[in-house]
């Protein structure tokens, strides 16, 4: 087994797990329940870890995680119907409900 990803945010680790499982790569999580040790253990020792079961899948796993979309980096977008500014995460204009271009 090889460690392929770890993060203090368990949701990001589980997202990476889903990406790899959907790609047909066998993985396992460790430290899922170590958060209770925070304060008594080093913070890094409580991070959830994602391990690839078969060492031969490691390179494919790294590529799959790197190719996955990250947080949207775009700035606000302007609605072409009403002209209102919208946050990048909005799929529809908050004012007139027009779909994001």
PDB file of N, CA and C in Angstrom:
ATOM      1  N   UNK A   1       0.845  -1.184   0.000  1.00  0.00           N
ATOM      2  CA  UNK A   1       0.000   0.000   0.000  1.00  0.00           C
ATOM      3  C   UNK A   1       0.887   1.242   0.000  1.00  0.00           C
ATOM      4  N   UNK A   2       0.378   2.286  -0.695  1.00  0.00           N
ATOM      5  CA  UNK A   2       1.102   3.553  -0.745  1.00  0.00           C
ATOM      6  C   UNK A   2       0.144   4.688  -0.405  1.00  0.00           C
ATOM      7  N   UNK A   3       0.647   5.636   0.383  1.00  0.00           N
ATOM      8  CA  UNK A   3      -0.125   6.824   0.730  1.00  0.00           C
ATOM      9  C   UNK A   3      -0.221   7.715  -0.498  1.00  0.00           C
ATOM     10  N   UNK A   4      -1.449   8.025  -0.904  1.00  0.00           N
ATOM     11  CA  UNK A   4      -1.631   8.833  -2.105  1.00  0.00           C
ATOM     12  C   UNK A   4      -2.142  10.235  -1.788  1.00  0.00           C
ATOM     13  N   UNK A   5      -2.845  10.404  -0.652  1.00  0.00           N
ATOM     14  CA  UNK A   5      -3.404  11.723  -0.348  1.00  0.00           C
ATOM     15  C   UNK A   5      -3.744  11.812   1.129  1.00  0.00           C
ATOM     16  N   UNK A   6      -3.493  12.968   1.716  1.00  0.00           N
ATOM     17  CA  UNK A   6      -3.913  13.254   3.083  1.00  0.00           C
ATOM     18  C   UNK A   6      -4.216  14.736   3.193  1.00  0.00           C
ATOM     19  N   UNK A   7      -5.113  15.068   4.094  1.00  0.00           N
ATOM     20  CA  UNK A   7      -5.501  16.461   4.284  1.00  0.00           C
ATOM     21  C   UNK A   7      -6.180  16.568   5.633  1.00  0.00           C
ATOM     22  N   UNK A   8      -6.121  17.757   6.223  1.00  0.00           N
ATOM     23  CA  UNK A   8      -6.813  17.948   7.498  1.00  0.00           C
ATOM     24  C   UNK A   8      -8.329  17.971   7.304  1.00  0.00           C
ATOM     25  N   UNK A   9      -8.779  18.238   6.075  1.00  0.00           N
ATOM     26  CA  UNK A   9     -10.206  18.294   5.765  1.00  0.00           C
ATOM     27  C   UNK A   9     -10.669  16.914   5.288  1.00  0.00           C
ATOM     28  N   UNK A  10     -11.409  16.223   6.129  1.00  0.00           N
ATOM     29  CA  UNK A  10     -11.856  14.859   5.813  1.00  0.00           C
ATOM     30  C   UNK A  10     -12.758  14.816   4.587  1.00  0.00           C
ATOM     31  N   UNK A  11     -13.445  15.907   4.281  1.00  0.00           N
ATOM     32  CA  UNK A  11     -14.319  15.929   3.106  1.00  0.00           C
ATOM     33  C   UNK A  11     -13.502  15.893   1.813  1.00  0.00           C
ATOM     34  N   UNK A  12     -12.363  16.572   1.800  1.00  0.00           N
ATOM     35  CA  UNK A  12     -11.499  16.527   0.619  1.00  0.00           C
ATOM     36  C   UNK A  12     -10.910  15.136   0.418  1.00  0.00           C
ATOM     37  N   UNK A  13     -10.548  14.486   1.515  1.00  0.00           N
ATOM     38  CA  UNK A  13      -9.991  13.132   1.418  1.00  0.00           C
ATOM     39  C   UNK A  13     -11.057  12.165   0.906  1.00  0.00           C
ATOM     40  N   UNK A  14     -12.278  12.295   1.413  1.00  0.00           N
ATOM     41  CA  UNK A  14     -13.355  11.420   0.942  1.00  0.00           C
ATOM     42  C   UNK A  14     -13.711  11.703  -0.512  1.00  0.00           C
ATOM     43  N   UNK A  15     -13.584  12.953  -0.939  1.00  0.00           N
ATOM     44  CA  UNK A  15     -13.814  13.274  -2.343  1.00  0.00           C
ATOM     45  C   UNK A  15     -12.759  12.589  -3.215  1.00  0.00           C
ATOM     46  N   UNK A  16     -11.502  12.638  -2.789  1.00  0.00           N
ATOM     47  CA  UNK A  16     -10.434  11.951  -3.527  1.00  0.00           C
ATOM     48  C   UNK A  16     -10.685  10.445  -3.548  1.00  0.00           C
ATOM     49  N   UNK A  17     -11.177   9.905  -2.451  1.00  0.00           N
ATOM     50  CA  UNK A  17     -11.516   8.474  -2.383  1.00  0.00           C
ATOM     51  C   UNK A  17     -12.576   8.132  -3.427  1.00  0.00           C
ATOM     52  N   UNK A  18     -13.606   8.959  -3.527  1.00  0.00           N
ATOM     53  CA  UNK A  18     -14.668   8.727  -4.516  1.00  0.00           C
ATOM     54  C   UNK A  18     -14.125   8.787  -5.940  1.00  0.00           C
ATOM     55  N   UNK A  19     -13.243   9.738  -6.201  1.00  0.00           N
ATOM     56  CA  UNK A  19     -12.646   9.868  -7.535  1.00  0.00           C
ATOM     57  C   UNK A  19     -11.889   8.593  -7.903  1.00  0.00           C
ATOM     58  N   UNK A  20     -11.090   8.095  -6.969  1.00  0.00           N
ATOM     59  CA  UNK A  20     -10.284   6.903  -7.253  1.00  0.00           C
ATOM     60  C   UNK A  20     -11.141   5.652  -7.370  1.00  0.00           C
ATOM     61  N   UNK A  21     -12.133   5.519  -6.518  1.00  0.00           N
ATOM     62  CA  UNK A  21     -13.016   4.353  -6.617  1.00  0.00           C
ATOM     63  C   UNK A  21     -13.789   4.361  -7.930  1.00  0.00           C
ATOM     64  N   UNK A  22     -14.208   5.537  -8.384  1.00  0.00           N
ATOM     65  CA  UNK A  22     -14.904   5.628  -9.674  1.00  0.00           C
ATOM     66  C   UNK A  22     -13.976   5.311 -10.841  1.00  0.00           C
ATOM     67  N   UNK A  23     -12.674   5.479 -10.623  1.00  0.00           N
ATOM     68  CA  UNK A  23     -11.687   5.131 -11.652  1.00  0.00           C
ATOM     69  C   UNK A  23     -11.286   3.662 -11.564  1.00  0.00           C
ATOM     70  N   UNK A  24     -11.881   2.927 -10.636  1.00  0.00           N
ATOM     71  CA  UNK A  24     -11.593   1.503 -10.502  1.00  0.00           C
ATOM     72  C   UNK A  24     -10.339   1.194  -9.706  1.00  0.00           C
ATOM     73  N   UNK A  25      -9.881   2.146  -8.905  1.00  0.00           N
ATOM     74  CA  UNK A  25      -8.669   1.963  -8.106  1.00  0.00           C
ATOM     75  C   UNK A  25      -9.076   1.625  -6.670  1.00  0.00           C
ATOM     76  N   UNK A  26      -8.565   0.518  -6.157  1.00  0.00           N
ATOM     77  CA  UNK A  26      -8.880   0.091  -4.786  1.00  0.00           C
ATOM     78  C   UNK A  26      -8.108   0.950  -3.790  1.00  0.00           C
ATOM     79  N   UNK A  27      -8.831   1.517  -2.828  1.00  0.00           N
ATOM     80  CA  UNK A  27      -8.220   2.390  -1.824  1.00  0.00           C
ATOM     81  C   UNK A  27      -8.756   2.046  -0.437  1.00  0.00           C
ATOM     82  N   UNK A  28      -8.067   2.552   0.565  1.00  0.00           N
ATOM     83  CA  UNK A  28      -8.530   2.411   1.943  1.00  0.00           C
ATOM     84  C   UNK A  28      -8.197   3.693   2.701  1.00  0.00           C
ATOM     85  N   UNK A  29      -9.014   4.016   3.690  1.00  0.00           N
ATOM     86  CA  UNK A  29      -8.792   5.193   4.527  1.00  0.00           C
ATOM     87  C   UNK A  29      -8.218   4.765   5.867  1.00  0.00           C
ATOM     88  N   UNK A  30      -7.322   5.586   6.404  1.00  0.00           N
ATOM     89  CA  UNK A  30      -6.853   5.393   7.772  1.00  0.00           C
ATOM     90  C   UNK A  30      -7.060   6.696   8.535  1.00  0.00           C
ATOM     91  N   UNK A  31      -7.047   6.613   9.838  1.00  0.00           N
ATOM     92  CA  UNK A  31      -7.228   7.767  10.729  1.00  0.00           C
ATOM     93  C   UNK A  31      -8.606   8.409  10.604  1.00  0.00           C
ATOM     94  N   UNK A  32      -9.584   7.669  10.130  1.00  0.00           N
ATOM     95  CA  UNK A  32     -10.929   8.235   9.991  1.00  0.00           C
ATOM     96  C   UNK A  32     -11.481   8.753  11.309  1.00  0.00           C
ATOM     97  N   UNK A  33     -11.143   8.098  12.384  1.00  0.00           N
ATOM     98  CA  UNK A  33     -11.717   8.448  13.682  1.00  0.00           C
ATOM     99  C   UNK A  33     -10.665   8.986  14.643  1.00  0.00           C
ATOM    100  N   UNK A  34      -9.559   9.480  14.116  1.00  0.00           N
ATOM    101  CA  UNK A  34      -8.470   9.971  14.960  1.00  0.00           C
ATOM    102  C   UNK A  34      -8.678  11.403  15.429  1.00  0.00           C
ATOM    103  N   UNK A  35      -9.698  12.084  14.944  1.00  0.00           N
ATOM    104  CA  UNK A  35      -9.923  13.477  15.329  1.00  0.00           C
ATOM    105  C   UNK A  35     -10.093  13.628  16.835  1.00  0.00           C
ATOM    106  N   UNK A  36     -10.566  12.586  17.492  1.00  0.00           N
ATOM    107  CA  UNK A  36     -10.717  12.636  18.944  1.00  0.00           C
ATOM    108  C   UNK A  36      -9.390  12.755  19.668  1.00  0.00           C
ATOM    109  N   UNK A  37      -8.308  12.439  18.997  1.00  0.00           N
ATOM    110  CA  UNK A  37      -6.982  12.541  19.599  1.00  0.00           C
ATOM    111  C   UNK A  37      -6.342  13.901  19.437  1.00  0.00           C
ATOM    112  N   UNK A  38      -7.029  14.826  18.772  1.00  0.00           N
ATOM    113  CA  UNK A  38      -6.489  16.164  18.569  1.00  0.00           C
ATOM    114  C   UNK A  38      -6.213  16.800  19.921  1.00  0.00           C
ATOM    115  N   UNK A  39      -5.031  17.325  20.073  1.00  0.00           N
ATOM    116  CA  UNK A  39      -4.610  17.909  21.338  1.00  0.00           C
ATOM    117  C   UNK A  39      -3.662  16.987  22.072  1.00  0.00           C
ATOM    118  N   UNK A  40      -3.941  15.701  22.061  1.00  0.00           N
ATOM    119  CA  UNK A  40      -3.062  14.721  22.697  1.00  0.00           C
ATOM    120  C   UNK A  40      -2.024  14.207  21.702  1.00  0.00           C
ATOM    121  N   UNK A  41      -2.359  14.286  20.416  1.00  0.00           N
ATOM    122  CA  UNK A  41      -1.464  13.830  19.350  1.00  0.00           C
ATOM    123  C   UNK A  41      -1.044  15.021  18.499  1.00  0.00           C
ATOM    124  N   UNK A  42      -0.005  14.821  17.734  1.00  0.00           N
ATOM    125  CA  UNK A  42       0.385  15.829  16.753  1.00  0.00           C
ATOM    126  C   UNK A  42      -0.778  16.030  15.787  1.00  0.00           C
ATOM    127  N   UNK A  43      -1.057  17.268  15.386  1.00  0.00           N
ATOM    128  CA  UNK A  43      -2.176  17.492  14.455  1.00  0.00           C
ATOM    129  C   UNK A  43      -2.081  16.651  13.185  1.00  0.00           C
ATOM    130  N   UNK A  44      -0.869  16.460  12.670  1.00  0.00           N
ATOM    131  CA  UNK A  44      -0.701  15.674  11.446  1.00  0.00           C
ATOM    132  C   UNK A  44      -1.050  14.204  11.647  1.00  0.00           C
ATOM    133  N   UNK A  45      -0.927  13.725  12.873  1.00  0.00           N
ATOM    134  CA  UNK A  45      -1.247  12.325  13.159  1.00  0.00           C
ATOM    135  C   UNK A  45      -2.741  12.055  13.166  1.00  0.00           C
ATOM    136  N   UNK A  46      -3.550  13.107  13.127  1.00  0.00           N
ATOM    137  CA  UNK A  46      -5.003  12.924  13.140  1.00  0.00           C
ATOM    138  C   UNK A  46      -5.631  13.162  11.772  1.00  0.00           C
ATOM    139  N   UNK A  47      -4.820  13.515  10.783  1.00  0.00           N
ATOM    140  CA  UNK A  47      -5.354  13.733   9.441  1.00  0.00           C
ATOM    141  C   UNK A  47      -5.779  12.402   8.827  1.00  0.00           C
ATOM    142  N   UNK A  48      -6.894  12.419   8.110  1.00  0.00           N
ATOM    143  CA  UNK A  48      -7.345  11.228   7.389  1.00  0.00           C
ATOM    144  C   UNK A  48      -6.374  10.974   6.232  1.00  0.00           C
ATOM    145  N   UNK A  49      -6.008   9.714   6.032  1.00  0.00           N
ATOM    146  CA  UNK A  49      -5.074   9.335   4.974  1.00  0.00           C
ATOM    147  C   UNK A  49      -5.753   8.405   3.981  1.00  0.00           C
ATOM    148  N   UNK A  50      -5.463   8.616   2.710  1.00  0.00           N
ATOM    149  CA  UNK A  50      -5.987   7.777   1.635  1.00  0.00           C
ATOM    150  C   UNK A  50      -4.831   6.965   1.058  1.00  0.00           C
ATOM    151  N   UNK A  51      -4.961   5.652   1.118  1.00  0.00           N
ATOM    152  CA  UNK A  51      -3.921   4.734   0.670  1.00  0.00           C
ATOM    153  C   UNK A  51      -4.417   3.929  -0.525  1.00  0.00           C
ATOM    154  N   UNK A  52      -3.549   3.760  -1.522  1.00  0.00           N
ATOM    155  CA  UNK A  52      -3.826   2.902  -2.666  1.00  0.00           C
ATOM    156  C   UNK A  52      -3.439   1.479  -2.265  1.00  0.00           C
ATOM    157  N   UNK A  53      -4.352   0.538  -2.439  1.00  0.00           N
ATOM    158  CA  UNK A  53      -4.123  -0.847  -2.018  1.00  0.00           C
ATOM    159  C   UNK A  53      -3.027  -1.506  -2.850  1.00  0.00           C
ATOM    160  N   UNK A  54      -3.086  -1.347  -4.161  1.00  0.00           N
ATOM    161  CA  UNK A  54      -2.098  -1.964  -5.062  1.00  0.00           C
ATOM    162  C   UNK A  54      -1.062  -0.924  -5.470  1.00  0.00           C
ATOM    163  N   UNK A  55       0.187  -1.166  -5.127  1.00  0.00           N
ATOM    164  CA  UNK A  55       1.252  -0.215  -5.460  1.00  0.00           C
ATOM    165  C   UNK A  55       1.285   0.119  -6.948  1.00  0.00           C
ATOM    166  N   UNK A  56       0.913  -0.824  -7.787  1.00  0.00           N
ATOM    167  CA  UNK A  56       0.948  -0.605  -9.236  1.00  0.00           C
ATOM    168  C   UNK A  56      -0.075   0.438  -9.691  1.00  0.00           C
ATOM    169  N   UNK A  57      -1.062   0.741  -8.854  1.00  0.00           N
ATOM    170  CA  UNK A  57      -2.079   1.748  -9.193  1.00  0.00           C
ATOM    171  C   UNK A  57      -1.698   3.150  -8.737  1.00  0.00           C
ATOM    172  N   UNK A  58      -0.560   3.286  -8.060  1.00  0.00           N
ATOM    173  CA  UNK A  58      -0.195   4.563  -7.450  1.00  0.00           C
ATOM    174  C   UNK A  58      -0.115   5.706  -8.465  1.00  0.00           C
ATOM    175  N   UNK A  59       0.606   5.519  -9.559  1.00  0.00           N
ATOM    176  CA  UNK A  59       0.773   6.590 -10.556  1.00  0.00           C
ATOM    177  C   UNK A  59      -0.572   6.995 -11.159  1.00  0.00           C
ATOM    178  N   UNK A  60      -1.419   6.016 -11.461  1.00  0.00           N
ATOM    179  CA  UNK A  60      -2.749   6.319 -11.995  1.00  0.00           C
ATOM    180  C   UNK A  60      -3.571   7.099 -10.974  1.00  0.00           C
ATOM    181  N   UNK A  61      -3.426   6.752  -9.702  1.00  0.00           N
ATOM    182  CA  UNK A  61      -4.164   7.438  -8.643  1.00  0.00           C
ATOM    183  C   UNK A  61      -3.727   8.895  -8.529  1.00  0.00           C
ATOM    184  N   UNK A  62      -2.436   9.125  -8.570  1.00  0.00           N
ATOM    185  CA  UNK A  62      -1.920  10.498  -8.498  1.00  0.00           C
ATOM    186  C   UNK A  62      -2.442  11.312  -9.677  1.00  0.00           C
ATOM    187  N   UNK A  63      -2.399  10.740 -10.871  1.00  0.00           N
ATOM    188  CA  UNK A  63      -2.892  11.448 -12.063  1.00  0.00           C
ATOM    189  C   UNK A  63      -4.387  11.748 -11.949  1.00  0.00           C
ATOM    190  N   UNK A  64      -5.161  10.804 -11.443  1.00  0.00           N
ATOM    191  CA  UNK A  64      -6.611  11.004 -11.310  1.00  0.00           C
ATOM    192  C   UNK A  64      -6.923  12.123 -10.327  1.00  0.00           C
ATOM    193  N   UNK A  65      -6.190  12.176  -9.230  1.00  0.00           N
ATOM    194  CA  UNK A  65      -6.424  13.241  -8.242  1.00  0.00           C
ATOM    195  C   UNK A  65      -6.007  14.589  -8.809  1.00  0.00           C
ATOM    196  N   UNK A  66      -4.860  14.640  -9.475  1.00  0.00           N
ATOM    197  CA  UNK A  66      -4.385  15.901 -10.053  1.00  0.00           C
ATOM    198  C   UNK A  66      -5.300  16.401 -11.162  1.00  0.00           C
ATOM    199  N   UNK A  67      -5.943  15.494 -11.885  1.00  0.00           N
ATOM    200  CA  UNK A  67      -6.826  15.878 -12.992  1.00  0.00           C
ATOM    201  C   UNK A  67      -8.210  16.298 -12.517  1.00  0.00           C
ATOM    202  N   UNK A  68      -8.518  16.028 -11.265  1.00  0.00           N
ATOM    203  CA  UNK A  68      -9.858  16.354 -10.773  1.00  0.00           C
ATOM    204  C   UNK A  68     -10.003  17.862 -10.622  1.00  0.00           C
ATOM    205  N   UNK A  69     -11.199  18.376 -10.863  1.00  0.00           N
ATOM    206  CA  UNK A  69     -11.401  19.819 -10.756  1.00  0.00           C
ATOM    207  C   UNK A  69     -11.275  20.287  -9.314  1.00  0.00           C
ATOM    208  N   UNK A  70     -10.636  21.416  -9.147  1.00  0.00           N
ATOM    209  CA  UNK A  70     -10.504  22.015  -7.823  1.00  0.00           C
ATOM    210  C   UNK A  70     -11.539  23.103  -7.636  1.00  0.00           C
ATOM    211  N   UNK A  71     -11.404  23.880  -6.580  1.00  0.00           N
ATOM    212  CA  UNK A  71     -12.344  24.975  -6.363  1.00  0.00           C
ATOM    213  C   UNK A  71     -12.311  25.951  -7.530  1.00  0.00           C
ATOM    214  N   UNK A  72     -13.447  26.476  -7.851  1.00  0.00           N
ATOM    215  CA  UNK A  72     -13.536  27.414  -8.963  1.00  0.00           C
ATOM    216  C   UNK A  72     -12.736  28.668  -8.640  1.00  0.00           C
ATOM    217  N   UNK A  73     -11.876  29.068  -9.550  1.00  0.00           N
ATOM    218  CA  UNK A  73     -10.998  30.208  -9.321  1.00  0.00           C
ATOM    219  C   UNK A  73     -11.519  31.494  -9.971  1.00  0.00           C
ATOM    220  N   UNK A  74     -12.579  31.395 -10.733  1.00  0.00           N
ATOM    221  CA  UNK A  74     -13.095  32.561 -11.439  1.00  0.00           C
ATOM    222  C   UNK A  74     -13.667  33.578 -10.465  1.00  0.00           C
ATOM    223  N   UNK A  75     -13.711  34.801 -10.912  1.00  0.00           N
ATOM    224  CA  UNK A  75     -14.309  35.855 -10.108  1.00  0.00           C
ATOM    225  C   UNK A  75     -15.810  35.905 -10.338  1.00  0.00           C
ATOM    226  N   UNK A  76     -16.398  36.985  -9.891  1.00  0.00           N
ATOM    227  CA  UNK A  76     -17.837  37.153 -10.071  1.00  0.00           C
ATOM    228  C   UNK A  76     -18.177  37.189 -11.558  1.00  0.00           C
ATOM    229  N   UNK A  77     -19.406  36.777 -11.863  1.00  0.00           N
ATOM    230  CA  UNK A  77     -19.889  36.880 -13.233  1.00  0.00           C
ATOM    231  C   UNK A  77     -21.100  37.800 -13.250  1.00  0.00           C
ATOM    232  N   UNK A  78     -21.270  38.479 -14.369  1.00  0.00           N
ATOM    233  CA  UNK A  78     -22.348  39.456 -14.517  1.00  0.00           C
ATOM    234  C   UNK A  78     -23.457  38.851 -15.361  1.00  0.00           C
ATOM    235  N   UNK A  79     -24.676  38.940 -14.867  1.00  0.00           N
ATOM    236  CA  UNK A  79     -25.833  38.414 -15.582  1.00  0.00           C
ATOM    237  C   UNK A  79     -26.061  39.223 -16.852  1.00  0.00           C
ATOM    238  N   UNK A  80     -26.233  38.524 -17.972  1.00  0.00           N
ATOM    239  CA  UNK A  80     -26.446  39.233 -19.238  1.00  0.00           C
ATOM    240  C   UNK A  80     -27.890  39.685 -19.422  1.00  0.00           C
ATOM    241  N   UNK A  81     -28.779  39.290 -18.514  1.00  0.00           N
ATOM    242  CA  UNK A  81     -30.171  39.744 -18.582  1.00  0.00           C
ATOM    243  C   UNK A  81     -30.389  40.994 -17.731  1.00  0.00           C
ATOM    244  N   UNK A  82     -30.026  40.911 -16.435  1.00  0.00           N
ATOM    245  CA  UNK A  82     -30.334  42.025 -15.533  1.00  0.00           C
ATOM    246  C   UNK A  82     -29.107  42.823 -15.109  1.00  0.00           C
ATOM    247  N   UNK A  83     -27.909  42.326 -15.412  1.00  0.00           N
ATOM    248  CA  UNK A  83     -26.694  43.064 -15.103  1.00  0.00           C
ATOM    249  C   UNK A  83     -26.178  42.917 -13.679  1.00  0.00           C
ATOM    250  N   UNK A  84     -26.810  42.083 -12.871  1.00  0.00           N
ATOM    251  CA  UNK A  84     -26.378  41.899 -11.486  1.00  0.00           C
ATOM    252  C   UNK A  84     -25.097  41.068 -11.416  1.00  0.00           C
ATOM    253  N   UNK A  85     -24.253  41.384 -10.437  1.00  0.00           N
ATOM    254  CA  UNK A  85     -23.044  40.608 -10.179  1.00  0.00           C
ATOM    255  C   UNK A  85     -23.406  39.387  -9.345  1.00  0.00           C
ATOM    256  N   UNK A  86     -22.802  38.243  -9.679  1.00  0.00           N
ATOM    257  CA  UNK A  86     -23.066  36.984  -8.985  1.00  0.00           C
ATOM    258  C   UNK A  86     -21.750  36.331  -8.590  1.00  0.00           C
ATOM    259  N   UNK A  87     -21.755  35.642  -7.462  1.00  0.00           N
ATOM    260  CA  UNK A  87     -20.571  34.915  -7.007  1.00  0.00           C
ATOM    261  C   UNK A  87     -20.297  33.745  -7.965  1.00  0.00           C
ATOM    262  N   UNK A  88     -19.044  33.319  -8.084  1.00  0.00           N
ATOM    263  CA  UNK A  88     -18.705  32.249  -9.028  1.00  0.00           C
ATOM    264  C   UNK A  88     -19.423  30.932  -8.756  1.00  0.00           C
ATOM    265  N   UNK A  89     -19.797  30.681  -7.520  1.00  0.00           N
ATOM    266  CA  UNK A  89     -20.460  29.415  -7.192  1.00  0.00           C
ATOM    267  C   UNK A  89     -21.930  29.398  -7.600  1.00  0.00           C
ATOM    268  N   UNK A  90     -22.495  30.564  -7.925  1.00  0.00           N
ATOM    269  CA  UNK A  90     -23.906  30.627  -8.320  1.00  0.00           C
ATOM    270  C   UNK A  90     -24.072  30.096  -9.736  1.00  0.00           C
ATOM    271  N   UNK A  91     -24.973  29.149  -9.914  1.00  0.00           N
ATOM    272  CA  UNK A  91     -25.274  28.606 -11.235  1.00  0.00           C
ATOM    273  C   UNK A  91     -26.369  29.414 -11.926  1.00  0.00           C
ATOM    274  N   UNK A  92     -27.102  30.183 -11.138  1.00  0.00           N
ATOM    275  CA  UNK A  92     -28.177  31.032 -11.649  1.00  0.00           C
ATOM    276  C   UNK A  92     -28.033  32.411 -11.028  1.00  0.00           C
ATOM    277  N   UNK A  93     -28.469  33.428 -11.747  1.00  0.00           N
ATOM    278  CA  UNK A  93     -28.454  34.789 -11.221  1.00  0.00           C
ATOM    279  C   UNK A  93     -29.348  34.850  -9.985  1.00  0.00           C
ATOM    280  N   UNK A  94     -28.843  35.448  -8.924  1.00  0.00           N
ATOM    281  CA  UNK A  94     -29.618  35.528  -7.687  1.00  0.00           C
ATOM    282  C   UNK A  94     -30.827  36.443  -7.858  1.00  0.00           C
ATOM    283  N   UNK A  95     -30.773  37.361  -8.806  1.00  0.00           N
ATOM    284  CA  UNK A  95     -31.831  38.354  -8.970  1.00  0.00           C
ATOM    285  C   UNK A  95     -32.937  37.894  -9.918  1.00  0.00           C
ATOM    286  N   UNK A  96     -32.564  37.393 -11.098  1.00  0.00           N
ATOM    287  CA  UNK A  96     -33.585  37.070 -12.104  1.00  0.00           C
ATOM    288  C   UNK A  96     -33.647  35.579 -12.452  1.00  0.00           C
ATOM    289  N   UNK A  97     -32.784  34.778 -11.858  1.00  0.00           N
ATOM    290  CA  UNK A  97     -32.760  33.323 -12.044  1.00  0.00           C
ATOM    291  C   UNK A  97     -32.293  32.887 -13.439  1.00  0.00           C
ATOM    292  N   UNK A  98     -31.660  33.776 -14.181  1.00  0.00           N
ATOM    293  CA  UNK A  98     -31.117  33.383 -15.485  1.00  0.00           C
ATOM    294  C   UNK A  98     -29.903  32.480 -15.263  1.00  0.00           C
ATOM    295  N   UNK A  99     -29.772  31.455 -16.099  1.00  0.00           N
ATOM    296  CA  UNK A  99     -28.672  30.509 -15.961  1.00  0.00           C
ATOM    297  C   UNK A  99     -27.334  31.180 -16.266  1.00  0.00           C
ATOM    298  N   UNK A 100     -26.309  30.755 -15.541  1.00  0.00           N
ATOM    299  CA  UNK A 100     -24.958  31.272 -15.743  1.00  0.00           C
ATOM    300  C   UNK A 100     -24.513  30.970 -17.174  1.00  0.00           C
ATOM    301  N   UNK A 101     -23.928  31.963 -17.862  1.00  0.00           N
ATOM    302  CA  UNK A 101     -23.498  31.723 -19.255  1.00  0.00           C
ATOM    303  C   UNK A 101     -22.368  30.717 -19.352  1.00  0.00           C
TER     304      UNK A 101
END
